[in-house]
Amino acid sequence: EFGWLPKTIQKIETMEQESETLESFLEAIRTPIDDALVAARNAVTAHPEKAKFSESAVKTLESAKNLIPTIKEKLAKNESADSEIKELLSEYGRSILDLTYITESQLIASSFPKERMGDFEEVQAKLETIRQFTLMYLRVNGKDEMKDQDALHKSGAISDVISLDQIEVVHWRKGALYFMLVSTLNQKNRKDEIQLEWFSKCLEELELMLSVRGFKTPDPESVGEAPELAKYGVWSSTHLLALLYGGEMCHWRTHLEPSPQVCQTGINMLLKYNKFVGDLPEAYGWNSSRSDVLLKILEGQLQQQQSTSDQKAD
């Protein structure tokens, strides 16, 4: 389904080395849209159980493709095509989220077989193209600081192009898939297949997801769980789950290789999770039973590692 991925990545890398223009941006994204459309149409019949997602991807990609002539025409007349390009990027993102969901579901259902790890990496890379094409457009529009990946979130400029919801979903899907991979390998006694870099990549995506909206005052007219969480920069139950996933990943990571920094990261995430859960009414169904266990383990490991470090210093 993702045979077109290497060409997409090559186009992005080539543009980063060359002078970027709106025309070159449009050329870079046109072929991936065409190729993804072919893959989506094939997926409709190849995976009928997930036809809802592949059919949605087909519809969205066709809409995105139909925008390209309009954009080209406006650019030829030196007219602004910003609104159409933003719509194009948004639709490209939605289609990729639909397409990758099909593969993600297959990987999880089949317990991430070793022979399909290439599919796992392709899903991660394909989700990343949503961010990369957005960065490319921002750079074309004179946002030179977008060459720095961290600036994507520090400036908030990405939310001027695609929605905050879509940004969060990209980071959540990438981070949660790493979590599911490591969790499955642990459960299936395949720990020898786990790679240390997966932990840092998972935590990076979860932390980016949690940072997208920052800390804002919720709508005073809102009721229920969401506004309670928003008071602390946690905007949904998915954000809560991200904190718990992060703590669990840190726990697994320290069993493979001791790290005071990883212990502290996990402790911070779990303390924040417990704070939120403790402030929510019991009716919402969240509890700290698992987080309390993880906190006790990580705090014990951190204390032991610091003690060992002090002894070596002496």
C-alpha atoms as a PDB file:
ATOM      1  CA  GLU A   1       0.000   0.000   0.000  1.00  0.00           C
ATOM      2  CA  PHE A   2       2.908   2.355   0.631  1.00  0.00           C
ATOM      3  CA  GLY A   3       5.128   1.568  -2.354  1.00  0.00           C
ATOM      4  CA  TRP A   4       5.056   5.268  -3.208  1.00  0.00           C
ATOM      5  CA  LEU A   5       6.528   6.283   0.159  1.00  0.00           C
ATOM      6  CA  PRO A   6      10.252   6.295  -0.822  1.00  0.00           C
ATOM      7  CA  LYS A   7       9.504   8.667  -3.716  1.00  0.00           C
ATOM      8  CA  THR A   8       7.627  11.003  -1.374  1.00  0.00           C
ATOM      9  CA  ILE A   9      10.472  11.123   1.143  1.00  0.00           C
ATOM     10  CA  GLN A  10      12.980  11.710  -1.662  1.00  0.00           C
ATOM     11  CA  LYS A  11      10.933  14.643  -2.961  1.00  0.00           C
ATOM     12  CA  ILE A  12      10.797  16.215   0.507  1.00  0.00           C
ATOM     13  CA  GLU A  13      14.546  15.775   1.058  1.00  0.00           C
ATOM     14  CA  THR A  14      15.327  17.185  -2.399  1.00  0.00           C
ATOM     15  CA  MET A  15      13.220  20.278  -1.795  1.00  0.00           C
ATOM     16  CA  GLU A  16      14.930  20.908   1.539  1.00  0.00           C
ATOM     17  CA  GLN A  17      18.226  21.181  -0.349  1.00  0.00           C
ATOM     18  CA  GLU A  18      16.905  23.358  -3.148  1.00  0.00           C
ATOM     19  CA  SER A  19      15.236  26.733  -3.444  1.00  0.00           C
ATOM     20  CA  GLU A  20      11.615  26.236  -2.396  1.00  0.00           C
ATOM     21  CA  THR A  21       8.723  27.936  -4.169  1.00  0.00           C
ATOM     22  CA  LEU A  22       4.975  27.409  -4.153  1.00  0.00           C
ATOM     23  CA  GLU A  23       5.323  25.764  -7.540  1.00  0.00           C
ATOM     24  CA  SER A  24       7.958  23.319  -6.317  1.00  0.00           C
ATOM     25  CA  PHE A  25       5.873  22.613  -3.223  1.00  0.00           C
ATOM     26  CA  LEU A  26       2.872  21.825  -5.399  1.00  0.00           C
ATOM     27  CA  GLU A  27       4.966  19.555  -7.590  1.00  0.00           C
ATOM     28  CA  ALA A  28       6.319  17.737  -4.549  1.00  0.00           C
ATOM     29  CA  ILE A  29       2.883  16.925  -3.126  1.00  0.00           C
ATOM     30  CA  ARG A  30       1.102  16.188  -6.423  1.00  0.00           C
ATOM     31  CA  THR A  31       2.644  12.772  -7.069  1.00  0.00           C
ATOM     32  CA  PRO A  32       2.115  11.487  -3.495  1.00  0.00           C
ATOM     33  CA  ILE A  33      -1.553  12.452  -3.782  1.00  0.00           C
ATOM     34  CA  ASP A  34      -1.882  10.554  -7.085  1.00  0.00           C
ATOM     35  CA  ASP A  35      -0.071   7.500  -5.734  1.00  0.00           C
ATOM     36  CA  ALA A  36      -1.983   7.528  -2.441  1.00  0.00           C
ATOM     37  CA  LEU A  37      -5.221   7.677  -4.431  1.00  0.00           C
ATOM     38  CA  VAL A  38      -4.262   4.493  -6.278  1.00  0.00           C
ATOM     39  CA  ALA A  39      -3.405   2.804  -2.977  1.00  0.00           C
ATOM     40  CA  ALA A  40      -6.693   3.919  -1.406  1.00  0.00           C
ATOM     41  CA  ARG A  41      -8.753   2.596  -4.326  1.00  0.00           C
ATOM     42  CA  ASN A  42      -6.935  -0.735  -4.136  1.00  0.00           C
ATOM     43  CA  ALA A  43      -7.537  -0.882  -0.375  1.00  0.00           C
ATOM     44  CA  VAL A  44     -11.308  -0.607  -0.868  1.00  0.00           C
ATOM     45  CA  THR A  45     -11.410  -4.111  -2.375  1.00  0.00           C
ATOM     46  CA  ALA A  46      -8.326  -5.543  -0.632  1.00  0.00           C
ATOM     47  CA  HIS A  47      -9.613  -4.719   2.859  1.00  0.00           C
ATOM     48  CA  PRO A  48     -13.434  -4.654   2.721  1.00  0.00           C
ATOM     49  CA  GLU A  49     -13.638  -4.792   6.516  1.00  0.00           C
ATOM     50  CA  LYS A  50     -12.023  -1.343   6.596  1.00  0.00           C
ATOM     51  CA  ALA A  51     -13.769   0.023   3.502  1.00  0.00           C
ATOM     52  CA  LYS A  52     -15.122   2.960   5.498  1.00  0.00           C
ATOM     53  CA  PHE A  53     -11.602   4.326   5.906  1.00  0.00           C
ATOM     54  CA  SER A  54     -10.319   3.574   2.397  1.00  0.00           C
ATOM     55  CA  GLU A  55     -13.461   5.026   0.801  1.00  0.00           C
ATOM     56  CA  SER A  56     -13.050   8.140   2.938  1.00  0.00           C
ATOM     57  CA  ALA A  57      -9.420   8.396   1.801  1.00  0.00           C
ATOM     58  CA  VAL A  58     -10.464   8.066  -1.852  1.00  0.00           C
ATOM     59  CA  LYS A  59     -13.037  10.854  -1.502  1.00  0.00           C
ATOM     60  CA  THR A  60     -10.617  13.155   0.304  1.00  0.00           C
ATOM     61  CA  LEU A  61      -7.748  12.543  -2.110  1.00  0.00           C
ATOM     62  CA  GLU A  62      -9.986  13.156  -5.126  1.00  0.00           C
ATOM     63  CA  SER A  63     -11.015  16.463  -3.567  1.00  0.00           C
ATOM     64  CA  ALA A  64      -7.364  17.348  -2.919  1.00  0.00           C
ATOM     65  CA  LYS A  65      -6.397  16.437  -6.483  1.00  0.00           C
ATOM     66  CA  ASN A  66      -9.178  18.624  -7.875  1.00  0.00           C
ATOM     67  CA  LEU A  67      -7.754  21.613  -6.005  1.00  0.00           C
ATOM     68  CA  ILE A  68      -4.425  21.476  -7.849  1.00  0.00           C
ATOM     69  CA  PRO A  69      -5.615  23.042 -11.174  1.00  0.00           C
ATOM     70  CA  THR A  70      -7.253  25.894  -9.255  1.00  0.00           C
ATOM     71  CA  ILE A  71      -4.069  26.508  -7.281  1.00  0.00           C
ATOM     72  CA  LYS A  72      -1.933  26.452 -10.434  1.00  0.00           C
ATOM     73  CA  GLU A  73      -4.266  28.881 -12.156  1.00  0.00           C
ATOM     74  CA  LYS A  74      -4.135  31.314  -9.243  1.00  0.00           C
ATOM     75  CA  LEU A  75      -0.354  31.116  -9.038  1.00  0.00           C
ATOM     76  CA  ALA A  76      -0.085  31.774 -12.788  1.00  0.00           C
ATOM     77  CA  LYS A  77      -2.093  34.959 -12.248  1.00  0.00           C
ATOM     78  CA  ASN A  78       0.034  35.932  -9.230  1.00  0.00           C
ATOM     79  CA  GLU A  79      -3.030  35.567  -7.034  1.00  0.00           C
ATOM     80  CA  SER A  80      -3.001  34.165  -3.509  1.00  0.00           C
ATOM     81  CA  ALA A  81      -3.833  30.466  -3.278  1.00  0.00           C
ATOM     82  CA  ASP A  82      -3.191  30.165   0.452  1.00  0.00           C
ATOM     83  CA  SER A  83      -6.701  29.057   1.371  1.00  0.00           C
ATOM     84  CA  GLU A  84      -6.708  26.365  -1.322  1.00  0.00           C
ATOM     85  CA  ILE A  85      -3.236  25.120  -0.334  1.00  0.00           C
ATOM     86  CA  LYS A  86      -4.254  24.909   3.326  1.00  0.00           C
ATOM     87  CA  GLU A  87      -7.322  22.933   2.283  1.00  0.00           C
ATOM     88  CA  LEU A  88      -5.088  20.701   0.162  1.00  0.00           C
ATOM     89  CA  LEU A  89      -2.774  19.995   3.110  1.00  0.00           C
ATOM     90  CA  SER A  90      -5.683  19.327   5.437  1.00  0.00           C
ATOM     91  CA  GLU A  91      -7.260  16.860   3.020  1.00  0.00           C
ATOM     92  CA  TYR A  92      -3.930  15.164   2.372  1.00  0.00           C
ATOM     93  CA  GLY A  93      -3.515  14.760   6.132  1.00  0.00           C
ATOM     94  CA  ARG A  94      -6.997  13.312   6.631  1.00  0.00           C
ATOM     95  CA  SER A  95      -6.490  10.797   3.830  1.00  0.00           C
ATOM     96  CA  ILE A  96      -3.153   9.611   5.222  1.00  0.00           C
ATOM     97  CA  LEU A  97      -4.701   9.187   8.672  1.00  0.00           C
ATOM     98  CA  ASP A  98      -7.423   7.013   7.131  1.00  0.00           C
ATOM     99  CA  LEU A  99      -5.008   4.934   5.051  1.00  0.00           C
ATOM    100  CA  THR A 100      -2.500   4.333   7.810  1.00  0.00           C
ATOM    101  CA  TYR A 101      -5.271   3.364  10.232  1.00  0.00           C
ATOM    102  CA  ILE A 102      -5.974   0.297   8.086  1.00  0.00           C
ATOM    103  CA  THR A 103      -2.383  -0.908   8.358  1.00  0.00           C
ATOM    104  CA  GLU A 104      -2.141   0.005  12.042  1.00  0.00           C
ATOM    105  CA  SER A 105      -5.207  -2.121  12.795  1.00  0.00           C
ATOM    106  CA  GLN A 106      -3.728  -5.078  10.936  1.00  0.00           C
ATOM    107  CA  LEU A 107      -0.421  -4.793  12.780  1.00  0.00           C
ATOM    108  CA  ILE A 108      -2.088  -4.659  16.188  1.00  0.00           C
ATOM    109  CA  ALA A 109      -4.490  -7.522  15.395  1.00  0.00           C
ATOM    110  CA  SER A 110      -1.617  -9.726  14.183  1.00  0.00           C
ATOM    111  CA  SER A 111       0.644  -8.827  17.159  1.00  0.00           C
ATOM    112  CA  PHE A 112       3.240  -7.023  15.034  1.00  0.00           C
ATOM    113  CA  PRO A 113       4.794 -10.022  13.232  1.00  0.00           C
ATOM    114  CA  LYS A 114       8.516  -9.627  12.645  1.00  0.00           C
ATOM    115  CA  GLU A 115       8.120  -9.923   8.888  1.00  0.00           C
ATOM    116  CA  ARG A 116       5.810  -6.880   8.871  1.00  0.00           C
ATOM    117  CA  MET A 117       8.063  -4.451  10.723  1.00  0.00           C
ATOM    118  CA  GLY A 118       8.645  -2.746   7.401  1.00  0.00           C
ATOM    119  CA  ASP A 119       4.934  -1.865   7.388  1.00  0.00           C
ATOM    120  CA  PHE A 120       5.282  -0.413  10.882  1.00  0.00           C
ATOM    121  CA  GLU A 121       8.148   1.850   9.774  1.00  0.00           C
ATOM    122  CA  GLU A 122       6.223   2.906   6.673  1.00  0.00           C
ATOM    123  CA  VAL A 123       3.196   3.922   8.733  1.00  0.00           C
ATOM    124  CA  GLN A 124       5.427   6.058  10.944  1.00  0.00           C
ATOM    125  CA  ALA A 125       7.113   7.653   7.935  1.00  0.00           C
ATOM    126  CA  LYS A 126       3.828   8.264   6.129  1.00  0.00           C
ATOM    127  CA  LEU A 127       2.318  10.005   9.142  1.00  0.00           C
ATOM    128  CA  GLU A 128       5.466  12.135   9.324  1.00  0.00           C
ATOM    129  CA  THR A 129       4.906  13.387   5.750  1.00  0.00           C
ATOM    130  CA  ILE A 130       1.842  15.289   7.012  1.00  0.00           C
ATOM    131  CA  ARG A 131       4.121  17.365   9.215  1.00  0.00           C
ATOM    132  CA  GLN A 132       6.876  17.592   6.609  1.00  0.00           C
ATOM    133  CA  PHE A 133       4.623  18.943   3.865  1.00  0.00           C
ATOM    134  CA  THR A 134       3.216  21.483   6.324  1.00  0.00           C
ATOM    135  CA  LEU A 135       6.757  22.562   7.235  1.00  0.00           C
ATOM    136  CA  MET A 136       7.569  22.861   3.554  1.00  0.00           C
ATOM    137  CA  TYR A 137       4.635  25.165   2.936  1.00  0.00           C
ATOM    138  CA  LEU A 138       5.552  27.318   5.943  1.00  0.00           C
ATOM    139  CA  ARG A 139       9.127  27.677   4.684  1.00  0.00           C
ATOM    140  CA  VAL A 140       7.862  28.688   1.238  1.00  0.00           C
ATOM    141  CA  ASN A 141       5.812  31.374   2.950  1.00  0.00           C
ATOM    142  CA  GLY A 142       8.935  32.858   4.499  1.00  0.00           C
ATOM    143  CA  LYS A 143       8.905  30.971   7.800  1.00  0.00           C
ATOM    144  CA  ASP A 144      12.643  30.243   7.762  1.00  0.00           C
ATOM    145  CA  GLU A 145      12.544  29.156  11.391  1.00  0.00           C
ATOM    146  CA  MET A 146      10.510  26.146  10.279  1.00  0.00           C
ATOM    147  CA  LYS A 147      13.765  24.491   9.239  1.00  0.00           C
ATOM    148  CA  ASP A 148      14.032  23.750  12.940  1.00  0.00           C
ATOM    149  CA  GLN A 149      11.546  20.979  13.806  1.00  0.00           C
ATOM    150  CA  ASP A 150      11.068  22.269  17.355  1.00  0.00           C
ATOM    151  CA  ALA A 151       9.988  25.641  16.017  1.00  0.00           C
ATOM    152  CA  LEU A 152       6.944  23.940  14.552  1.00  0.00           C
ATOM    153  CA  HIS A 153       5.372  23.800  17.990  1.00  0.00           C
ATOM    154  CA  LYS A 154       7.077  26.741  19.690  1.00  0.00           C
ATOM    155  CA  SER A 155       5.731  29.217  17.151  1.00  0.00           C
ATOM    156  CA  GLY A 156       2.273  27.712  16.795  1.00  0.00           C
ATOM    157  CA  ALA A 157       2.521  28.484  13.072  1.00  0.00           C
ATOM    158  CA  ILE A 158       1.375  25.016  12.060  1.00  0.00           C
ATOM    159  CA  SER A 159      -2.109  25.691  13.440  1.00  0.00           C
ATOM    160  CA  ASP A 160      -2.441  28.418  10.798  1.00  0.00           C
ATOM    161  CA  VAL A 161      -2.253  25.671   8.173  1.00  0.00           C
ATOM    162  CA  ILE A 162      -3.873  22.527   9.565  1.00  0.00           C
ATOM    163  CA  SER A 163      -6.098  22.114  12.606  1.00  0.00           C
ATOM    164  CA  LEU A 164      -4.825  21.512  16.124  1.00  0.00           C
ATOM    165  CA  ASP A 165      -6.941  18.350  16.189  1.00  0.00           C
ATOM    166  CA  GLN A 166      -5.108  16.953  13.175  1.00  0.00           C
ATOM    167  CA  ILE A 167      -1.694  17.839  14.613  1.00  0.00           C
ATOM    168  CA  GLU A 168      -2.572  16.084  17.861  1.00  0.00           C
ATOM    169  CA  VAL A 169      -3.868  13.015  16.072  1.00  0.00           C
ATOM    170  CA  VAL A 170      -0.646  12.660  14.065  1.00  0.00           C
ATOM    171  CA  HIS A 171       1.515  12.742  17.198  1.00  0.00           C
ATOM    172  CA  TRP A 172      -0.883  10.538  19.150  1.00  0.00           C
ATOM    173  CA  ARG A 173      -1.063   7.891  16.432  1.00  0.00           C
ATOM    174  CA  LYS A 174       2.715   7.786  16.064  1.00  0.00           C
ATOM    175  CA  GLY A 175       3.357   7.622  19.804  1.00  0.00           C
ATOM    176  CA  ALA A 176       0.533   5.188  20.600  1.00  0.00           C
ATOM    177  CA  LEU A 177       1.682   2.811  17.848  1.00  0.00           C
ATOM    178  CA  TYR A 178       5.164   2.654  19.394  1.00  0.00           C
ATOM    179  CA  PHE A 179       3.492   1.965  22.753  1.00  0.00           C
ATOM    180  CA  MET A 180       1.354  -0.836  21.314  1.00  0.00           C
ATOM    181  CA  LEU A 181       4.420  -2.352  19.628  1.00  0.00           C
ATOM    182  CA  VAL A 182       6.492  -2.451  22.818  1.00  0.00           C
ATOM    183  CA  SER A 183       3.516  -3.595  24.902  1.00  0.00           C
ATOM    184  CA  THR A 184       2.807  -6.460  22.502  1.00  0.00           C
ATOM    185  CA  LEU A 185       6.427  -7.615  22.356  1.00  0.00           C
ATOM    186  CA  ASN A 186       6.562  -7.598  26.155  1.00  0.00           C
ATOM    187  CA  GLN A 187       3.385  -9.653  26.417  1.00  0.00           C
ATOM    188  CA  LYS A 188       4.482 -12.134  23.727  1.00  0.00           C
ATOM    189  CA  ASN A 189       7.911 -12.756  25.314  1.00  0.00           C
ATOM    190  CA  ARG A 190       9.665 -11.172  22.336  1.00  0.00           C
ATOM    191  CA  LYS A 191      11.638  -8.650  24.360  1.00  0.00           C
ATOM    192  CA  ASP A 192      14.799  -9.400  22.380  1.00  0.00           C
ATOM    193  CA  GLU A 193      13.177  -7.632  19.393  1.00  0.00           C
ATOM    194  CA  ILE A 194      12.658  -4.349  21.263  1.00  0.00           C
ATOM    195  CA  GLN A 195      14.872  -1.448  20.166  1.00  0.00           C
ATOM    196  CA  LEU A 196      15.894   1.248  22.631  1.00  0.00           C
ATOM    197  CA  GLU A 197      15.234   4.040  20.138  1.00  0.00           C
ATOM    198  CA  TRP A 198      11.528   3.160  20.127  1.00  0.00           C
ATOM    199  CA  PHE A 199      11.172   4.469  23.670  1.00  0.00           C
ATOM    200  CA  SER A 200      12.612   7.906  22.926  1.00  0.00           C
ATOM    201  CA  LYS A 201      10.582   8.174  19.733  1.00  0.00           C
ATOM    202  CA  CYS A 202       7.388   7.255  21.556  1.00  0.00           C
ATOM    203  CA  LEU A 203       8.016   9.746  24.357  1.00  0.00           C
ATOM    204  CA  GLU A 204       8.888  12.475  21.865  1.00  0.00           C
ATOM    205  CA  GLU A 205       5.593  12.023  20.013  1.00  0.00           C
ATOM    206  CA  LEU A 206       3.515  11.838  23.196  1.00  0.00           C
ATOM    207  CA  GLU A 207       5.174  14.963  24.626  1.00  0.00           C
ATOM    208  CA  LEU A 208       4.637  16.824  21.339  1.00  0.00           C
ATOM    209  CA  MET A 209       1.004  15.783  21.378  1.00  0.00           C
ATOM    210  CA  LEU A 210       0.608  17.082  24.919  1.00  0.00           C
ATOM    211  CA  SER A 211       2.257  20.401  24.028  1.00  0.00           C
ATOM    212  CA  VAL A 212       0.196  21.277  20.957  1.00  0.00           C
ATOM    213  CA  ARG A 213      -2.482  23.330  22.726  1.00  0.00           C
ATOM    214  CA  GLY A 214      -0.436  24.479  25.692  1.00  0.00           C
ATOM    215  CA  PHE A 215      -2.210  25.758  28.797  1.00  0.00           C
ATOM    216  CA  LYS A 216      -5.345  27.749  28.125  1.00  0.00           C
ATOM    217  CA  THR A 217      -8.504  28.691  29.970  1.00  0.00           C
ATOM    218  CA  PRO A 218     -11.365  26.400  28.955  1.00  0.00           C
ATOM    219  CA  ASP A 219     -14.713  27.669  27.764  1.00  0.00           C
ATOM    220  CA  PRO A 220     -16.590  28.658  30.958  1.00  0.00           C
ATOM    221  CA  GLU A 221     -19.840  27.374  29.431  1.00  0.00           C
ATOM    222  CA  SER A 222     -18.406  23.881  28.838  1.00  0.00           C
ATOM    223  CA  VAL A 223     -19.323  21.089  31.210  1.00  0.00           C
ATOM    224  CA  GLY A 224     -18.011  17.621  31.969  1.00  0.00           C
ATOM    225  CA  GLU A 225     -14.568  16.056  31.892  1.00  0.00           C
ATOM    226  CA  ALA A 226     -12.912  18.115  29.138  1.00  0.00           C
ATOM    227  CA  PRO A 227     -12.975  21.560  30.800  1.00  0.00           C
ATOM    228  CA  GLU A 228     -11.758  20.065  34.071  1.00  0.00           C
ATOM    229  CA  LEU A 229      -8.749  18.593  32.288  1.00  0.00           C
ATOM    230  CA  ALA A 230      -8.161  21.720  30.205  1.00  0.00           C
ATOM    231  CA  LYS A 231      -7.438  23.726  33.335  1.00  0.00           C
ATOM    232  CA  TYR A 232      -4.107  21.896  33.428  1.00  0.00           C
ATOM    233  CA  GLY A 233      -3.312  21.715  29.727  1.00  0.00           C
ATOM    234  CA  VAL A 234      -4.864  18.277  29.270  1.00  0.00           C
ATOM    235  CA  TRP A 235      -7.644  18.582  26.730  1.00  0.00           C
ATOM    236  CA  SER A 236      -9.165  15.130  26.490  1.00  0.00           C
ATOM    237  CA  SER A 237      -9.105  11.617  27.891  1.00  0.00           C
ATOM    238  CA  THR A 238      -6.578  10.833  25.136  1.00  0.00           C
ATOM    239  CA  HIS A 239      -4.194  13.314  26.747  1.00  0.00           C
ATOM    240  CA  LEU A 240      -4.615  11.477  30.038  1.00  0.00           C
ATOM    241  CA  LEU A 241      -3.877   8.179  28.319  1.00  0.00           C
ATOM    242  CA  ALA A 242      -0.767   9.718  26.744  1.00  0.00           C
ATOM    243  CA  LEU A 243       0.566  10.543  30.217  1.00  0.00           C
ATOM    244  CA  LEU A 244      -0.071   6.993  31.414  1.00  0.00           C
ATOM    245  CA  TYR A 245       1.467   5.494  28.259  1.00  0.00           C
ATOM    246  CA  GLY A 246       4.511   7.703  28.757  1.00  0.00           C
ATOM    247  CA  GLY A 247       4.951   6.526  32.334  1.00  0.00           C
ATOM    248  CA  GLU A 248       4.621   2.897  31.270  1.00  0.00           C
ATOM    249  CA  MET A 249       7.181   3.340  28.482  1.00  0.00           C
ATOM    250  CA  CYS A 250       9.659   4.851  30.930  1.00  0.00           C
ATOM    251  CA  HIS A 251       9.102   1.871  33.241  1.00  0.00           C
ATOM    252  CA  TRP A 252       9.855  -0.608  30.442  1.00  0.00           C
ATOM    253  CA  ARG A 253      12.811   1.450  29.260  1.00  0.00           C
ATOM    254  CA  THR A 254      14.557   1.446  32.635  1.00  0.00           C
ATOM    255  CA  HIS A 255      14.307  -2.343  32.816  1.00  0.00           C
ATOM    256  CA  LEU A 256      16.394  -2.569  29.650  1.00  0.00           C
ATOM    257  CA  GLU A 257      18.933   0.068  30.622  1.00  0.00           C
ATOM    258  CA  PRO A 258      19.056   2.159  33.848  1.00  0.00           C
ATOM    259  CA  SER A 259      18.563   5.872  33.258  1.00  0.00           C
ATOM    260  CA  PRO A 260      17.875   8.489  35.968  1.00  0.00           C
ATOM    261  CA  GLN A 261      16.640  10.905  33.299  1.00  0.00           C
ATOM    262  CA  VAL A 262      14.099   8.396  31.954  1.00  0.00           C
ATOM    263  CA  CYS A 263      12.970   7.588  35.509  1.00  0.00           C
ATOM    264  CA  GLN A 264      12.405  11.279  36.195  1.00  0.00           C
ATOM    265  CA  THR A 265      10.512  11.774  32.932  1.00  0.00           C
ATOM    266  CA  GLY A 266       8.200   8.899  33.802  1.00  0.00           C
ATOM    267  CA  ILE A 267       7.713  10.171  37.348  1.00  0.00           C
ATOM    268  CA  ASN A 268       6.798  13.644  36.080  1.00  0.00           C
ATOM    269  CA  MET A 269       4.230  12.270  33.628  1.00  0.00           C
ATOM    270  CA  LEU A 270       2.669   9.961  36.208  1.00  0.00           C
ATOM    271  CA  LEU A 271       2.498  12.669  38.875  1.00  0.00           C
ATOM    272  CA  LYS A 272       0.699  14.902  36.397  1.00  0.00           C
ATOM    273  CA  TYR A 273      -1.644  12.032  35.502  1.00  0.00           C
ATOM    274  CA  ASN A 274      -2.407  11.416  39.188  1.00  0.00           C
ATOM    275  CA  LYS A 275      -3.045  15.110  39.743  1.00  0.00           C
ATOM    276  CA  PHE A 276      -5.616  15.190  36.952  1.00  0.00           C
ATOM    277  CA  VAL A 277      -7.262  11.926  37.958  1.00  0.00           C
ATOM    278  CA  GLY A 278      -7.424  13.014  41.593  1.00  0.00           C
ATOM    279  CA  ASP A 279      -9.224  16.227  40.628  1.00  0.00           C
ATOM    280  CA  LEU A 280     -11.814  14.443  38.488  1.00  0.00           C
ATOM    281  CA  PRO A 281     -15.040  13.088  39.972  1.00  0.00           C
ATOM    282  CA  GLU A 282     -15.063   9.302  40.339  1.00  0.00           C
ATOM    283  CA  ALA A 283     -17.946   9.162  37.875  1.00  0.00           C
ATOM    284  CA  TYR A 284     -15.524   9.705  35.011  1.00  0.00           C
ATOM    285  CA  GLY A 285     -14.026   6.272  35.638  1.00  0.00           C
ATOM    286  CA  TRP A 286     -10.340   7.196  35.851  1.00  0.00           C
ATOM    287  CA  ASN A 287      -8.183   5.887  38.705  1.00  0.00           C
ATOM    288  CA  SER A 288      -4.533   5.819  39.742  1.00  0.00           C
ATOM    289  CA  SER A 289      -4.151   2.101  40.498  1.00  0.00           C
ATOM    290  CA  ARG A 290      -1.652   1.445  37.691  1.00  0.00           C
ATOM    291  CA  SER A 291       0.074   4.820  37.904  1.00  0.00           C
ATOM    292  CA  ASP A 292       0.653   4.385  41.640  1.00  0.00           C
ATOM    293  CA  VAL A 293       2.411   1.059  40.986  1.00  0.00           C
ATOM    294  CA  LEU A 294       4.562   2.580  38.250  1.00  0.00           C
ATOM    295  CA  LEU A 295       5.425   5.592  40.401  1.00  0.00           C
ATOM    296  CA  LYS A 296       6.596   3.388  43.247  1.00  0.00           C
ATOM    297  CA  ILE A 297       8.827   1.378  40.889  1.00  0.00           C
ATOM    298  CA  LEU A 298      10.314   4.405  39.126  1.00  0.00           C
ATOM    299  CA  GLU A 299      10.907   6.347  42.329  1.00  0.00           C
ATOM    300  CA  GLY A 300      12.640   3.291  43.812  1.00  0.00           C
ATOM    301  CA  GLN A 301      14.804   2.896  40.720  1.00  0.00           C
ATOM    302  CA  LEU A 302      15.700   6.587  40.695  1.00  0.00           C
ATOM    303  CA  GLN A 303      16.675   6.512  44.356  1.00  0.00           C
ATOM    304  CA  GLN A 304      18.794   3.407  43.801  1.00  0.00           C
ATOM    305  CA  GLN A 305      20.519   4.875  40.748  1.00  0.00           C
ATOM    306  CA  GLN A 306      21.262   8.136  42.542  1.00  0.00           C
ATOM    307  CA  SER A 307      22.658   6.208  45.523  1.00  0.00           C
ATOM    308  CA  THR A 308      24.909   4.157  43.259  1.00  0.00           C
ATOM    309  CA  SER A 309      26.092   7.332  41.525  1.00  0.00           C
ATOM    310  CA  ASP A 310      26.897   8.968  44.887  1.00  0.00           C
ATOM    311  CA  GLN A 311      28.870   5.903  45.996  1.00  0.00           C
ATOM    312  CA  LYS A 312      30.954   5.987  42.800  1.00  0.00           C
ATOM    313  CA  ALA A 313      31.635   9.681  43.334  1.00  0.00           C
ATOM    314  CA  ASP A 314      32.922   8.978  46.823  1.00  0.00           C
END
